[in-house]
Protein backbone atom coordinates (compact mmCIF):
# COMPACT_ATOMS: atom_id res chain seq x y z
CA MET A 1 121.48 77.05 142.08
CA THR A 2 120.65 80.28 140.24
CA GLU A 3 120.88 83.72 141.85
CA SER A 4 117.08 83.94 142.11
CA GLU A 5 117.09 80.68 144.11
CA LEU A 6 119.60 81.83 146.73
CA PRO A 7 118.21 82.08 150.28
CA PHE A 8 119.63 85.60 150.60
CA VAL A 9 120.13 88.66 148.43
CA LEU A 10 123.66 89.34 147.23
CA PRO A 11 124.64 92.97 147.82
CA ARG A 12 124.94 95.30 144.84
CA ILE A 13 127.71 97.80 145.28
CA PRO A 14 128.18 100.45 142.62
CA ALA A 15 131.75 100.83 141.38
CA SER A 16 133.48 103.43 139.28
CA ALA A 17 137.00 103.95 137.88
CA GLY A 18 138.90 107.16 137.15
CA ALA A 19 142.21 108.16 135.62
CA LEU A 20 145.03 110.43 136.63
CA ILE A 21 146.50 111.70 133.38
CA PHE A 22 149.48 114.08 133.32
CA ASP A 23 151.33 116.14 130.74
CA GLY A 24 155.12 116.31 130.48
CA ASP A 25 155.18 119.27 132.91
CA GLY A 26 153.46 117.25 135.64
CA ARG A 27 150.06 118.97 135.22
CA LEU A 28 146.93 116.93 135.92
CA LEU A 29 144.02 116.66 133.44
CA ILE A 30 140.69 117.64 135.02
CA ALA A 31 137.32 118.34 133.46
CA ASN A 32 134.26 120.41 134.32
CA PRO A 33 131.15 118.23 134.37
CA THR A 34 127.85 119.68 133.19
CA TYR A 35 125.86 117.73 135.87
CA LYS A 36 127.60 118.71 139.11
CA ALA A 37 129.27 121.69 140.77
CA HIS A 38 132.90 120.54 141.14
CA TRP A 39 135.54 119.61 138.60
CA THR A 40 136.44 115.94 138.17
CA ILE A 41 138.91 113.59 136.53
CA PRO A 42 138.07 111.41 133.53
CA GLY A 43 136.20 108.29 134.66
CA GLY A 44 132.84 106.86 135.46
CA ILE A 45 130.61 103.97 136.50
CA MET A 46 131.60 100.40 135.69
CA GLU A 47 129.20 98.50 133.40
CA ASP A 48 127.38 95.57 135.02
CA ASP A 49 128.28 93.20 132.17
CA GLY A 50 131.49 92.01 133.88
CA GLU A 51 133.59 95.01 132.94
CA THR A 52 136.72 95.24 135.10
CA PRO A 53 137.81 98.49 136.83
CA TRP A 54 140.73 98.89 134.35
CA GLU A 55 138.41 98.27 131.37
CA ALA A 56 135.95 100.90 132.78
CA CYS A 57 138.75 103.38 133.27
CA ARG A 58 139.97 102.97 129.67
CA ARG A 59 136.44 103.09 128.23
CA GLU A 60 135.41 106.18 130.25
CA VAL A 61 138.61 108.07 129.35
CA LEU A 62 138.00 107.36 125.67
CA GLU A 63 134.30 108.33 125.90
CA GLU A 64 134.78 111.49 127.95
CA VAL A 65 137.99 113.02 126.54
CA GLY A 66 138.82 110.91 123.45
CA LEU A 67 142.12 109.65 124.85
CA HIS A 68 143.51 106.11 124.63
CA VAL A 69 145.24 105.00 127.82
CA ASP A 70 147.29 101.83 127.35
CA SER A 71 148.82 101.47 130.79
CA GLY A 72 147.92 102.39 134.31
CA ARG A 73 148.81 101.51 137.87
CA LEU A 74 146.07 101.04 140.47
CA ALA A 75 146.80 103.95 142.85
CA VAL A 76 143.77 104.09 145.13
CA VAL A 77 140.83 101.96 146.15
CA ASP A 78 138.23 103.93 148.13
CA PHE A 79 135.08 102.53 149.77
CA LEU A 80 132.33 105.13 150.10
CA ARG A 81 129.62 104.37 152.65
CA PRO A 82 126.07 104.78 151.37
CA LYS A 83 124.18 107.93 152.37
CA PRO A 84 120.47 108.71 152.07
CA SER A 85 121.13 110.70 148.90
CA LYS A 86 124.02 108.64 147.43
CA PRO A 87 124.53 104.90 147.01
CA GLY A 88 128.20 104.87 148.03
CA GLY A 89 130.30 102.10 146.49
CA MET A 90 133.84 101.33 145.40
CA ARG A 91 136.09 103.83 143.59
CA PHE A 92 139.17 102.70 141.71
CA LEU A 93 141.70 105.32 140.71
CA PHE A 94 144.42 104.55 138.17
CA ASP A 95 147.57 106.51 137.58
CA CYS A 96 147.86 106.48 133.80
CA GLY A 97 151.06 108.49 133.72
CA VAL A 98 152.21 111.08 131.22
CA LEU A 99 150.58 111.31 127.80
CA PRO A 100 152.25 113.07 124.90
CA ASP A 101 151.39 116.71 124.13
CA ALA A 102 150.02 115.69 120.73
CA ALA A 103 147.43 113.40 122.39
CA LEU A 104 146.50 115.96 125.03
CA GLY A 105 146.20 118.65 122.37
CA ALA A 106 143.65 116.50 120.52
CA ILE A 107 141.22 116.05 123.45
CA VAL A 108 137.59 115.83 122.34
CA LEU A 109 135.13 116.31 125.18
CA GLN A 110 131.90 114.35 125.53
CA GLU A 111 129.73 117.44 125.29
CA GLU A 112 126.68 115.99 127.15
CA GLU A 113 128.85 115.44 130.20
CA LEU A 114 131.79 117.86 130.11
CA SER A 115 131.94 121.58 129.28
CA GLU A 116 135.72 122.17 129.44
CA HIS A 117 139.03 120.67 130.53
CA ARG A 118 142.27 122.00 131.99
CA LEU A 119 145.80 120.80 132.70
CA LEU A 120 146.73 122.19 136.08
CA ARG A 121 149.44 121.82 138.64
CA PRO A 122 148.22 119.18 141.10
CA ALA A 123 147.83 121.60 144.01
CA ARG A 124 145.55 123.88 141.92
CA ALA A 125 143.64 120.92 140.50
CA LEU A 126 142.93 119.60 144.01
CA GLU A 127 141.33 122.98 144.92
CA LEU A 128 138.72 122.46 142.17
CA LEU A 129 137.82 118.84 143.03
CA SER A 130 135.07 117.85 145.47
CA GLY A 131 135.97 116.62 148.99
CA PRO A 132 136.00 112.85 148.47
CA LEU A 133 137.63 113.03 145.05
CA ARG A 134 140.11 115.65 146.34
CA ARG A 135 141.13 113.29 149.16
CA ARG A 136 141.36 110.32 146.78
CA VAL A 137 143.49 112.16 144.22
CA GLY A 138 145.60 113.72 147.01
CA ALA A 139 146.26 110.27 148.46
CA ALA A 140 147.33 108.97 145.07
CA LEU A 141 149.66 111.96 144.48
CA ALA A 142 151.24 111.51 147.93
CA ALA A 143 151.75 107.74 147.59
CA THR A 144 155.17 106.48 146.65
CA GLY A 145 154.16 103.81 144.17
CA GLU A 146 152.00 101.63 146.37
CA CYS A 147 148.23 101.31 146.10
CA VAL A 148 146.40 103.18 148.90
CA TYR A 149 143.20 101.88 150.52
CA LEU A 150 140.71 104.51 151.75
CA GLU A 151 137.27 104.54 153.30
CA ASP A 152 135.23 107.65 152.55
CA GLY A 153 138.36 109.21 151.17
CA ARG A 154 140.38 108.73 154.37
CA PRO A 155 143.21 106.34 155.22
CA VAL A 156 142.23 103.36 157.36
């Protein structure tokens, strides 16, 4: 039976993946998007060709800031409920650890999407992120190695 022959419609839930990237001093990499008001972390929407969350994270980091991330730990999974103006979906956040200063010094921004980047102490970085992303990143920073599950950025 093909998908078009199913007696019901399978739900389509958008998903995205982002990366927490740190320098040797524990500062977090954030970027200023050209298309929204608040700062963000590298990441973006998963492709619908079967791309996994980890593959999306790696691809988006490379596209947006020119960095190669080779390892990462799933830190947060967040389900966002749909709203009239936003589709909601699943958000995967990976802790990609510390990258060498040489790599961080060679960041190349995707100019259509990002205007600048900063490495900031986590508390200062959180102040610049939007509410849901701030809660997601904050939960990842507070976790002690386990993956945290959130709904709308809040613990369940």
